[in-house]
PDB file of N, CA and C in Angstrom:
ATOM      1  N   MET A   1      11.253  -3.007  22.483  1.00  0.00           N
ATOM      2  CA  MET A   1      10.744  -3.566  21.239  1.00  0.00           C
ATOM      3  C   MET A   1      10.798  -2.493  20.158  1.00  0.00           C
ATOM      4  N   SER A   2      11.445  -2.795  19.050  1.00  0.00           N
ATOM      5  CA  SER A   2      11.511  -1.817  17.974  1.00  0.00           C
ATOM      6  C   SER A   2      10.491  -2.160  16.904  1.00  0.00           C
ATOM      7  N   PHE A   3       9.976  -1.129  16.292  1.00  0.00           N
ATOM      8  CA  PHE A   3       8.982  -1.322  15.247  1.00  0.00           C
ATOM      9  C   PHE A   3       9.413  -0.527  14.037  1.00  0.00           C
ATOM     10  N   ASP A   4       9.613  -1.216  12.936  1.00  0.00           N
ATOM     11  CA  ASP A   4       9.974  -0.535  11.700  1.00  0.00           C
ATOM     12  C   ASP A   4       8.697  -0.177  10.951  1.00  0.00           C
ATOM     13  N   ASN A   5       8.641   1.035  10.459  1.00  0.00           N
ATOM     14  CA  ASN A   5       7.506   1.504   9.690  1.00  0.00           C
ATOM     15  C   ASN A   5       7.442   0.735   8.369  1.00  0.00           C
ATOM     16  N   PRO A   6       6.351   0.000   8.117  1.00  0.00           N
ATOM     17  CA  PRO A   6       6.272  -0.784   6.887  1.00  0.00           C
ATOM     18  C   PRO A   6       5.952   0.048   5.635  1.00  0.00           C
ATOM     19  N   ILE A   7       5.518   1.290   5.806  1.00  0.00           N
ATOM     20  CA  ILE A   7       5.064   2.094   4.669  1.00  0.00           C
ATOM     21  C   ILE A   7       6.148   2.285   3.596  1.00  0.00           C
ATOM     22  N   PRO A   8       7.386   2.672   3.956  1.00  0.00           N
ATOM     23  CA  PRO A   8       8.392   2.873   2.905  1.00  0.00           C
ATOM     24  C   PRO A   8       8.649   1.626   2.058  1.00  0.00           C
ATOM     25  N   VAL A   9       8.734   0.490   2.700  1.00  0.00           N
ATOM     26  CA  VAL A   9       8.998  -0.767   1.978  1.00  0.00           C
ATOM     27  C   VAL A   9       7.839  -1.106   1.054  1.00  0.00           C
ATOM     28  N   ARG A  10       6.620  -1.032   1.569  1.00  0.00           N
ATOM     29  CA  ARG A  10       5.433  -1.352   0.772  1.00  0.00           C
ATOM     30  C   ARG A  10       5.285  -0.386  -0.404  1.00  0.00           C
ATOM     31  N   LEU A  11       5.539   0.892  -0.143  1.00  0.00           N
ATOM     32  CA  LEU A  11       5.401   1.903  -1.192  1.00  0.00           C
ATOM     33  C   LEU A  11       6.381   1.625  -2.332  1.00  0.00           C
ATOM     34  N   LYS A  12       7.615   1.346  -1.991  1.00  0.00           N
ATOM     35  CA  LYS A  12       8.628   1.072  -3.014  1.00  0.00           C
ATOM     36  C   LYS A  12       8.293  -0.196  -3.797  1.00  0.00           C
ATOM     37  N   GLU A  13       7.857  -1.249  -3.086  1.00  0.00           N
ATOM     38  CA  GLU A  13       7.489  -2.502  -3.749  1.00  0.00           C
ATOM     39  C   GLU A  13       6.349  -2.287  -4.744  1.00  0.00           C
ATOM     40  N   ALA A  14       5.304  -1.603  -4.300  1.00  0.00           N
ATOM     41  CA  ALA A  14       4.135  -1.389  -5.161  1.00  0.00           C
ATOM     42  C   ALA A  14       4.490  -0.495  -6.349  1.00  0.00           C
ATOM     43  N   ARG A  15       5.312   0.509  -6.115  1.00  0.00           N
ATOM     44  CA  ARG A  15       5.706   1.413  -7.202  1.00  0.00           C
ATOM     45  C   ARG A  15       6.524   0.675  -8.253  1.00  0.00           C
ATOM     46  N   LYS A  16       7.466  -0.145  -7.797  1.00  0.00           N
ATOM     47  CA  LYS A  16       8.290  -0.900  -8.744  1.00  0.00           C
ATOM     48  C   LYS A  16       7.457  -1.921  -9.522  1.00  0.00           C
ATOM     49  N   LYS A  17       6.526  -2.555  -8.820  1.00  0.00           N
ATOM     50  CA  LYS A  17       5.650  -3.526  -9.478  1.00  0.00           C
ATOM     51  C   LYS A  17       4.813  -2.837 -10.560  1.00  0.00           C
ATOM     52  N   ALA A  18       4.422  -1.593 -10.309  1.00  0.00           N
ATOM     53  CA  ALA A  18       3.640  -0.816 -11.279  1.00  0.00           C
ATOM     54  C   ALA A  18       4.528  -0.215 -12.370  1.00  0.00           C
ATOM     55  N   LYS A  19       5.854  -0.417 -12.250  1.00  0.00           N
ATOM     56  CA  LYS A  19       6.829   0.095 -13.221  1.00  0.00           C
ATOM     57  C   LYS A  19       6.734   1.614 -13.387  1.00  0.00           C
ATOM     58  N   LEU A  20       6.664   2.304 -12.256  1.00  0.00           N
ATOM     59  CA  LEU A  20       6.604   3.761 -12.264  1.00  0.00           C
ATOM     60  C   LEU A  20       7.827   4.338 -11.566  1.00  0.00           C
ATOM     61  N   SER A  21       8.311   5.449 -12.073  1.00  0.00           N
ATOM     62  CA  SER A  21       9.393   6.162 -11.375  1.00  0.00           C
ATOM     63  C   SER A  21       8.768   6.900 -10.197  1.00  0.00           C
ATOM     64  N   GLN A  22       9.610   7.329  -9.280  1.00  0.00           N
ATOM     65  CA  GLN A  22       9.110   8.109  -8.149  1.00  0.00           C
ATOM     66  C   GLN A  22       8.422   9.371  -8.657  1.00  0.00           C
ATOM     67  N   LYS A  23       9.044  10.027  -9.628  1.00  0.00           N
ATOM     68  CA  LYS A  23       8.483  11.261 -10.174  1.00  0.00           C
ATOM     69  C   LYS A  23       7.128  11.006 -10.830  1.00  0.00           C
ATOM     70  N   ALA A  24       7.045   9.958 -11.664  1.00  0.00           N
ATOM     71  CA  ALA A  24       5.793   9.663 -12.369  1.00  0.00           C
ATOM     72  C   ALA A  24       4.663   9.384 -11.383  1.00  0.00           C
ATOM     73  N   LEU A  25       4.951   8.626 -10.340  1.00  0.00           N
ATOM     74  CA  LEU A  25       3.925   8.316  -9.349  1.00  0.00           C
ATOM     75  C   LEU A  25       3.473   9.584  -8.635  1.00  0.00           C
ATOM     76  N   GLY A  26       4.430  10.402  -8.227  1.00  0.00           N
ATOM     77  CA  GLY A  26       4.082  11.650  -7.551  1.00  0.00           C
ATOM     78  C   GLY A  26       3.216  12.550  -8.410  1.00  0.00           C
ATOM     79  N   VAL A  27       3.594  12.686  -9.669  1.00  0.00           N
ATOM     80  CA  VAL A  27       2.829  13.533 -10.595  1.00  0.00           C
ATOM     81  C   VAL A  27       1.422  12.972 -10.791  1.00  0.00           C
ATOM     82  N   ARG A  28       1.306  11.656 -10.896  1.00  0.00           N
ATOM     83  CA  ARG A  28      -0.007  11.031 -11.101  1.00  0.00           C
ATOM     84  C   ARG A  28      -0.974  11.283  -9.949  1.00  0.00           C
ATOM     85  N   ILE A  29      -0.426  11.481  -8.741  1.00  0.00           N
ATOM     86  CA  ILE A  29      -1.329  11.738  -7.610  1.00  0.00           C
ATOM     87  C   ILE A  29      -1.459  13.235  -7.314  1.00  0.00           C
ATOM     88  N   GLY A  30      -0.927  14.062  -8.226  1.00  0.00           N
ATOM     89  CA  GLY A  30      -1.160  15.492  -8.111  1.00  0.00           C
ATOM     90  C   GLY A  30      -0.034  16.332  -7.539  1.00  0.00           C
ATOM     91  N   MET A  31       1.133  15.747  -7.359  1.00  0.00           N
ATOM     92  CA  MET A  31       2.266  16.531  -6.865  1.00  0.00           C
ATOM     93  C   MET A  31       2.835  17.369  -8.006  1.00  0.00           C
ATOM     94  N   ASP A  32       3.437  18.482  -7.654  1.00  0.00           N
ATOM     95  CA  ASP A  32       4.104  19.334  -8.625  1.00  0.00           C
ATOM     96  C   ASP A  32       5.283  18.559  -9.220  1.00  0.00           C
ATOM     97  N   GLU A  33       5.485  18.711 -10.515  1.00  0.00           N
ATOM     98  CA  GLU A  33       6.553  17.965 -11.198  1.00  0.00           C
ATOM     99  C   GLU A  33       7.931  18.185 -10.591  1.00  0.00           C
ATOM    100  N   SER A  34       8.202  19.394 -10.133  1.00  0.00           N
ATOM    101  CA  SER A  34       9.525  19.698  -9.589  1.00  0.00           C
ATOM    102  C   SER A  34       9.775  19.079  -8.213  1.00  0.00           C
ATOM    103  N   SER A  35       8.705  18.783  -7.474  1.00  0.00           N
ATOM    104  CA  SER A  35       8.894  18.232  -6.128  1.00  0.00           C
ATOM    105  C   SER A  35       8.482  16.759  -6.011  1.00  0.00           C
ATOM    106  N   ALA A  36       7.885  16.202  -7.046  1.00  0.00           N
ATOM    107  CA  ALA A  36       7.360  14.829  -6.969  1.00  0.00           C
ATOM    108  C   ALA A  36       8.439  13.799  -6.639  1.00  0.00           C
ATOM    109  N   SER A  37       9.541  13.819  -7.382  1.00  0.00           N
ATOM    110  CA  SER A  37      10.593  12.823  -7.161  1.00  0.00           C
ATOM    111  C   SER A  37      11.233  12.949  -5.775  1.00  0.00           C
ATOM    112  N   PRO A  38      11.653  14.167  -5.350  1.00  0.00           N
ATOM    113  CA  PRO A  38      12.251  14.260  -4.012  1.00  0.00           C
ATOM    114  C   PRO A  38      11.280  13.864  -2.898  1.00  0.00           C
ATOM    115  N   ARG A  39      10.014  14.229  -3.060  1.00  0.00           N
ATOM    116  CA  ARG A  39       9.041  13.917  -2.018  1.00  0.00           C
ATOM    117  C   ARG A  39       8.800  12.410  -1.920  1.00  0.00           C
ATOM    118  N   MET A  40       8.639  11.756  -3.067  1.00  0.00           N
ATOM    119  CA  MET A  40       8.438  10.305  -3.062  1.00  0.00           C
ATOM    120  C   MET A  40       9.678   9.612  -2.501  1.00  0.00           C
ATOM    121  N   ASN A  41      10.854  10.136  -2.821  1.00  0.00           N
ATOM    122  CA  ASN A  41      12.096   9.573  -2.296  1.00  0.00           C
ATOM    123  C   ASN A  41      12.121   9.668  -0.773  1.00  0.00           C
ATOM    124  N   GLN A  42      11.667  10.782  -0.231  1.00  0.00           N
ATOM    125  CA  GLN A  42      11.629  10.942   1.224  1.00  0.00           C
ATOM    126  C   GLN A  42      10.660   9.941   1.855  1.00  0.00           C
ATOM    127  N   TYR A  43       9.556   9.673   1.183  1.00  0.00           N
ATOM    128  CA  TYR A  43       8.602   8.666   1.692  1.00  0.00           C
ATOM    129  C   TYR A  43       9.249   7.276   1.693  1.00  0.00           C
ATOM    130  N   GLU A  44       9.927   6.936   0.613  1.00  0.00           N
ATOM    131  CA  GLU A  44      10.536   5.603   0.496  1.00  0.00           C
ATOM    132  C   GLU A  44      11.765   5.435   1.391  1.00  0.00           C
ATOM    133  N   LYS A  45      12.402   6.515   1.754  1.00  0.00           N
ATOM    134  CA  LYS A  45      13.577   6.458   2.633  1.00  0.00           C
ATOM    135  C   LYS A  45      13.191   6.647   4.102  1.00  0.00           C
ATOM    136  N   SER A  46      11.903   6.781   4.361  1.00  0.00           N
ATOM    137  CA  SER A  46      11.370   6.939   5.718  1.00  0.00           C
ATOM    138  C   SER A  46      11.792   8.249   6.386  1.00  0.00           C
ATOM    139  N   LYS A  47      12.131   9.253   5.583  1.00  0.00           N
ATOM    140  CA  LYS A  47      12.467  10.565   6.141  1.00  0.00           C
ATOM    141  C   LYS A  47      11.188  11.317   6.487  1.00  0.00           C
ATOM    142  N   HIS A  48      10.146  11.076   5.706  1.00  0.00           N
ATOM    143  CA  HIS A  48       8.819  11.630   5.965  1.00  0.00           C
ATOM    144  C   HIS A  48       7.796  10.531   5.719  1.00  0.00           C
ATOM    145  N   THR A  49       6.671  10.617   6.402  1.00  0.00           N
ATOM    146  CA  THR A  49       5.585   9.649   6.201  1.00  0.00           C
ATOM    147  C   THR A  49       4.405  10.388   5.587  1.00  0.00           C
ATOM    148  N   PRO A  50       3.871   9.861   4.488  1.00  0.00           N
ATOM    149  CA  PRO A  50       2.722  10.526   3.876  1.00  0.00           C
ATOM    150  C   PRO A  50       1.502  10.482   4.795  1.00  0.00           C
ATOM    151  N   ASP A  51       0.668  11.514   4.723  1.00  0.00           N
ATOM    152  CA  ASP A  51      -0.566  11.487   5.503  1.00  0.00           C
ATOM    153  C   ASP A  51      -1.533  10.471   4.881  1.00  0.00           C
ATOM    154  N   VAL A  52      -2.594  10.181   5.573  1.00  0.00           N
ATOM    155  CA  VAL A  52      -3.518   9.137   5.125  1.00  0.00           C
ATOM    156  C   VAL A  52      -4.158   9.490   3.777  1.00  0.00           C
ATOM    157  N   ARG A  53      -4.462  10.754   3.575  1.00  0.00           N
ATOM    158  CA  ARG A  53      -5.053  11.165   2.294  1.00  0.00           C
ATOM    159  C   ARG A  53      -4.093  10.856   1.141  1.00  0.00           C
ATOM    160  N   THR A  54      -2.817  11.198   1.333  1.00  0.00           N
ATOM    161  CA  THR A  54      -1.806  10.922   0.305  1.00  0.00           C
ATOM    162  C   THR A  54      -1.622   9.423   0.121  1.00  0.00           C
ATOM    163  N   LEU A  55      -1.614   8.690   1.226  1.00  0.00           N
ATOM    164  CA  LEU A  55      -1.497   7.223   1.131  1.00  0.00           C
ATOM    165  C   LEU A  55      -2.658   6.628   0.341  1.00  0.00           C
ATOM    166  N   LYS A  56      -3.852   7.161   0.543  1.00  0.00           N
ATOM    167  CA  LYS A  56      -5.030   6.656  -0.186  1.00  0.00           C
ATOM    168  C   LYS A  56      -4.883   6.946  -1.678  1.00  0.00           C
ATOM    169  N   LEU A  57      -4.398   8.135  -2.023  1.00  0.00           N
ATOM    170  CA  LEU A  57      -4.156   8.461  -3.436  1.00  0.00           C
ATOM    171  C   LEU A  57      -3.122   7.507  -4.035  1.00  0.00           C
ATOM    172  N   LEU A  58      -2.060   7.248  -3.272  1.00  0.00           N
ATOM    173  CA  LEU A  58      -1.020   6.316  -3.725  1.00  0.00           C
ATOM    174  C   LEU A  58      -1.587   4.912  -3.898  1.00  0.00           C
ATOM    175  N   ALA A  59      -2.363   4.459  -2.925  1.00  0.00           N
ATOM    176  CA  ALA A  59      -2.962   3.121  -2.990  1.00  0.00           C
ATOM    177  C   ALA A  59      -3.838   2.989  -4.235  1.00  0.00           C
ATOM    178  N   ASP A  60      -4.687   3.981  -4.461  1.00  0.00           N
ATOM    179  CA  ASP A  60      -5.572   3.936  -5.631  1.00  0.00           C
ATOM    180  C   ASP A  60      -4.778   3.923  -6.930  1.00  0.00           C
ATOM    181  N   GLU A  61      -3.746   4.742  -6.995  1.00  0.00           N
ATOM    182  CA  GLU A  61      -2.929   4.808  -8.215  1.00  0.00           C
ATOM    183  C   GLU A  61      -2.160   3.512  -8.448  1.00  0.00           C
ATOM    184  N   LEU A  62      -1.725   2.872  -7.372  1.00  0.00           N
ATOM    185  CA  LEU A  62      -0.928   1.645  -7.477  1.00  0.00           C
ATOM    186  C   LEU A  62      -1.777   0.370  -7.498  1.00  0.00           C
ATOM    187  N   GLY A  63      -3.080   0.508  -7.294  1.00  0.00           N
ATOM    188  CA  GLY A  63      -3.974  -0.651  -7.349  1.00  0.00           C
ATOM    189  C   GLY A  63      -3.846  -1.577  -6.151  1.00  0.00           C
ATOM    190  N   VAL A  64      -3.555  -0.991  -4.996  1.00  0.00           N
ATOM    191  CA  VAL A  64      -3.485  -1.778  -3.763  1.00  0.00           C
ATOM    192  C   VAL A  64      -4.440  -1.155  -2.743  1.00  0.00           C
ATOM    193  N   PRO A  65      -4.905  -1.953  -1.774  1.00  0.00           N
ATOM    194  CA  PRO A  65      -5.755  -1.364  -0.734  1.00  0.00           C
ATOM    195  C   PRO A  65      -4.913  -0.522   0.221  1.00  0.00           C
ATOM    196  N   LEU A  66      -5.529   0.443   0.857  1.00  0.00           N
ATOM    197  CA  LEU A  66      -4.831   1.291   1.825  1.00  0.00           C
ATOM    198  C   LEU A  66      -4.143   0.447   2.901  1.00  0.00           C
ATOM    199  N   SER A  67      -4.812  -0.620   3.336  1.00  0.00           N
ATOM    200  CA  SER A  67      -4.260  -1.481   4.390  1.00  0.00           C
ATOM    201  C   SER A  67      -2.932  -2.135   4.003  1.00  0.00           C
ATOM    202  N   TYR A  68      -2.679  -2.271   2.701  1.00  0.00           N
ATOM    203  CA  TYR A  68      -1.433  -2.865   2.207  1.00  0.00           C
ATOM    204  C   TYR A  68      -0.205  -2.179   2.804  1.00  0.00           C
ATOM    205  N   PHE A  69      -0.281  -0.856   2.921  1.00  0.00           N
ATOM    206  CA  PHE A  69       0.867  -0.098   3.409  1.00  0.00           C
ATOM    207  C   PHE A  69       1.197  -0.370   4.875  1.00  0.00           C
ATOM    208  N   PHE A  70       0.268  -0.945   5.609  1.00  0.00           N
ATOM    209  CA  PHE A  70       0.466  -1.175   7.042  1.00  0.00           C
ATOM    210  C   PHE A  70       0.797  -2.629   7.384  1.00  0.00           C
ATOM    211  N   CYS A  71       0.849  -3.492   6.380  1.00  0.00           N
ATOM    212  CA  CYS A  71       1.144  -4.907   6.618  1.00  0.00           C
ATOM    213  C   CYS A  71       2.609  -5.079   7.016  1.00  0.00           C
ATOM    214  N   GLU A  72       2.825  -5.857   8.072  1.00  0.00           N
ATOM    215  CA  GLU A  72       4.181  -6.025   8.600  1.00  0.00           C
ATOM    216  C   GLU A  72       4.980  -7.124   7.915  1.00  0.00           C
ATOM    217  N   ASP A  73       4.309  -7.984   7.139  1.00  0.00           N
ATOM    218  CA  ASP A  73       5.029  -9.046   6.451  1.00  0.00           C
ATOM    219  C   ASP A  73       4.428  -9.269   5.065  1.00  0.00           C
ATOM    220  N   GLU A  74       5.168  -9.980   4.235  1.00  0.00           N
ATOM    221  CA  GLU A  74       4.757 -10.211   2.843  1.00  0.00           C
ATOM    222  C   GLU A  74       3.443 -10.973   2.732  1.00  0.00           C
ATOM    223  N   THR A  75       3.266 -11.973   3.584  1.00  0.00           N
ATOM    224  CA  THR A  75       2.047 -12.782   3.522  1.00  0.00           C
ATOM    225  C   THR A  75       0.819 -11.931   3.810  1.00  0.00           C
ATOM    226  N   SER A  76       0.895 -11.109   4.836  1.00  0.00           N
ATOM    227  CA  SER A  76      -0.235 -10.232   5.160  1.00  0.00           C
ATOM    228  C   SER A  76      -0.501  -9.249   4.031  1.00  0.00           C
ATOM    229  N   ALA A  77       0.543  -8.735   3.413  1.00  0.00           N
ATOM    230  CA  ALA A  77       0.390  -7.794   2.297  1.00  0.00           C
ATOM    231  C   ALA A  77      -0.303  -8.468   1.120  1.00  0.00           C
ATOM    232  N   GLU A  78       0.088  -9.704   0.842  1.00  0.00           N
ATOM    233  CA  GLU A  78      -0.525 -10.454  -0.260  1.00  0.00           C
ATOM    234  C   GLU A  78      -1.996 -10.735   0.031  1.00  0.00           C
ATOM    235  N   ILE A  79      -2.283 -11.120   1.268  1.00  0.00           N
ATOM    236  CA  ILE A  79      -3.681 -11.376   1.668  1.00  0.00           C
ATOM    237  C   ILE A  79      -4.508 -10.107   1.533  1.00  0.00           C
ATOM    238  N   ALA A  80      -3.973  -8.971   1.972  1.00  0.00           N
ATOM    239  CA  ALA A  80      -4.698  -7.696   1.888  1.00  0.00           C
ATOM    240  C   ALA A  80      -5.066  -7.386   0.437  1.00  0.00           C
ATOM    241  N   CYS A  81      -4.143  -7.622  -0.477  1.00  0.00           N
ATOM    242  CA  CYS A  81      -4.402  -7.352  -1.896  1.00  0.00           C
ATOM    243  C   CYS A  81      -5.449  -8.308  -2.456  1.00  0.00           C
ATOM    244  N   LEU A  82      -5.363  -9.569  -2.090  1.00  0.00           N
ATOM    245  CA  LEU A  82      -6.336 -10.545  -2.581  1.00  0.00           C
ATOM    246  C   LEU A  82      -7.737 -10.270  -2.043  1.00  0.00           C
ATOM    247  N   VAL A  83      -7.834  -9.975  -0.762  1.00  0.00           N
ATOM    248  CA  VAL A  83      -9.138  -9.697  -0.145  1.00  0.00           C
ATOM    249  C   VAL A  83      -9.761  -8.439  -0.760  1.00  0.00           C
ATOM    250  N   ALA A  84      -8.946  -7.455  -1.074  1.00  0.00           N
ATOM    251  CA  ALA A  84      -9.453  -6.212  -1.660  1.00  0.00           C
ATOM    252  C   ALA A  84     -10.115  -6.441  -3.020  1.00  0.00           C
ATOM    253  N   GLN A  85      -9.725  -7.511  -3.689  1.00  0.00           N
ATOM    254  CA  GLN A  85     -10.282  -7.819  -5.012  1.00  0.00           C
ATOM    255  C   GLN A  85     -11.578  -8.631  -4.926  1.00  0.00           C
ATOM    256  N   MET A  86     -11.928  -9.067  -3.729  1.00  0.00           N
ATOM    257  CA  MET A  86     -13.111  -9.916  -3.545  1.00  0.00           C
ATOM    258  C   MET A  86     -14.381  -9.080  -3.437  1.00  0.00           C
ATOM    259  N   THR A  87     -15.489  -9.711  -3.782  1.00  0.00           N
ATOM    260  CA  THR A  87     -16.787  -9.071  -3.574  1.00  0.00           C
ATOM    261  C   THR A  87     -17.136  -9.160  -2.092  1.00  0.00           C
ATOM    262  N   GLU A  88     -18.130  -8.388  -1.666  1.00  0.00           N
ATOM    263  CA  GLU A  88     -18.564  -8.453  -0.262  1.00  0.00           C
ATOM    264  C   GLU A  88     -19.004  -9.870   0.090  1.00  0.00           C
ATOM    265  N   ARG A  89     -19.705 -10.502  -0.815  1.00  0.00           N
ATOM    266  CA  ARG A  89     -20.176 -11.871  -0.571  1.00  0.00           C
ATOM    267  C   ARG A  89     -18.995 -12.827  -0.379  1.00  0.00           C
ATOM    268  N   GLU A  90     -17.996 -12.707  -1.247  1.00  0.00           N
ATOM    269  CA  GLU A  90     -16.808 -13.565  -1.133  1.00  0.00           C
ATOM    270  C   GLU A  90     -16.080 -13.312   0.186  1.00  0.00           C
ATOM    271  N   LYS A  91     -16.020 -12.062   0.607  1.00  0.00           N
ATOM    272  CA  LYS A  91     -15.368 -11.735   1.874  1.00  0.00           C
ATOM    273  C   LYS A  91     -16.105 -12.383   3.045  1.00  0.00           C
ATOM    274  N   LYS A  92     -17.431 -12.322   3.016  1.00  0.00           N
ATOM    275  CA  LYS A  92     -18.228 -12.928   4.089  1.00  0.00           C
ATOM    276  C   LYS A  92     -18.063 -14.442   4.106  1.00  0.00           C
ATOM    277  N   GLU A  93     -18.020 -15.046   2.925  1.00  0.00           N
ATOM    278  CA  GLU A  93     -17.806 -16.495   2.828  1.00  0.00           C
ATOM    279  C   GLU A  93     -16.421 -16.863   3.372  1.00  0.00           C
ATOM    280  N   LEU A  94     -15.431 -16.048   3.069  1.00  0.00           N
ATOM    281  CA  LEU A  94     -14.076 -16.287   3.571  1.00  0.00           C
ATOM    282  C   LEU A  94     -14.054 -16.222   5.094  1.00  0.00           C
ATOM    283  N   ILE A  95     -14.708 -15.218   5.651  1.00  0.00           N
ATOM    284  CA  ILE A  95     -14.768 -15.084   7.103  1.00  0.00           C
ATOM    285  C   ILE A  95     -15.401 -16.326   7.727  1.00  0.00           C
ATOM    286  N   LEU A  96     -16.524 -16.749   7.181  1.00  0.00           N
ATOM    287  CA  LEU A  96     -17.189 -17.952   7.703  1.00  0.00           C
ATOM    288  C   LEU A  96     -16.282 -19.170   7.618  1.00  0.00           C
ATOM    289  N   SER A  97     -15.607 -19.308   6.485  1.00  0.00           N
ATOM    290  CA  SER A  97     -14.697 -20.434   6.287  1.00  0.00           C
ATOM    291  C   SER A  97     -13.559 -20.410   7.317  1.00  0.00           C
ATOM    292  N   LEU A  98     -13.007 -19.234   7.552  1.00  0.00           N
ATOM    293  CA  LEU A  98     -11.910 -19.116   8.533  1.00  0.00           C
ATOM    294  C   LEU A  98     -12.397 -19.415   9.943  1.00  0.00           C
ATOM    295  N   ILE A  99     -13.581 -18.948  10.262  1.00  0.00           N
ATOM    296  CA  ILE A  99     -14.153 -19.219  11.603  1.00  0.00           C
ATOM    297  C   ILE A  99     -14.355 -20.719  11.781  1.00  0.00           C
ATOM    298  N   GLN A 100     -14.882 -21.381  10.758  1.00  0.00           N
ATOM    299  CA  GLN A 100     -15.130 -22.826  10.840  1.00  0.00           C
ATOM    300  C   GLN A 100     -13.842 -23.619  10.994  1.00  0.00           C
ATOM    301  N   THR A 101     -12.774 -23.201  10.360  1.00  0.00           N
ATOM    302  CA  THR A 101     -11.517 -23.944  10.469  1.00  0.00           C
ATOM    303  C   THR A 101     -10.849 -23.732  11.829  1.00  0.00           C
ATOM    304  N   LYS A 102     -11.168 -22.632  12.495  1.00  0.00           N
ATOM    305  CA  LYS A 102     -10.578 -22.364  13.817  1.00  0.00           C
ATOM    306  C   LYS A 102     -11.290 -23.107  14.937  1.00  0.00           C
ATOM    307  N   THR A 103     -12.527 -23.532  14.677  1.00  0.00           N
ATOM    308  CA  THR A 103     -13.280 -24.188  15.755  1.00  0.00           C
ATOM    309  C   THR A 103     -13.218 -25.692  15.658  1.00  0.00           C
TER     310      THR A 103
END
């Protein structure tokens, strides 16, 4: 069974949606200007994987939850983003609603 790392795809999608260049995104999260573009390119090409701290900085800058980067399909990624925008109360109501529909 092969497993493709979803992080590069999600990172590129979120960056493009935010209309940021690789360099601009890297600089915004504190990377040196001279290395920001090559480093972000390596993340998007799956040559290197950012550590969780860097992923969290990227998520915050791009306005997506950290979990977004780990979603294996588009639907899950969309759900992760929508749930992240909900209040705790709304999340609890959603959970109850989902439990009720499964039973």
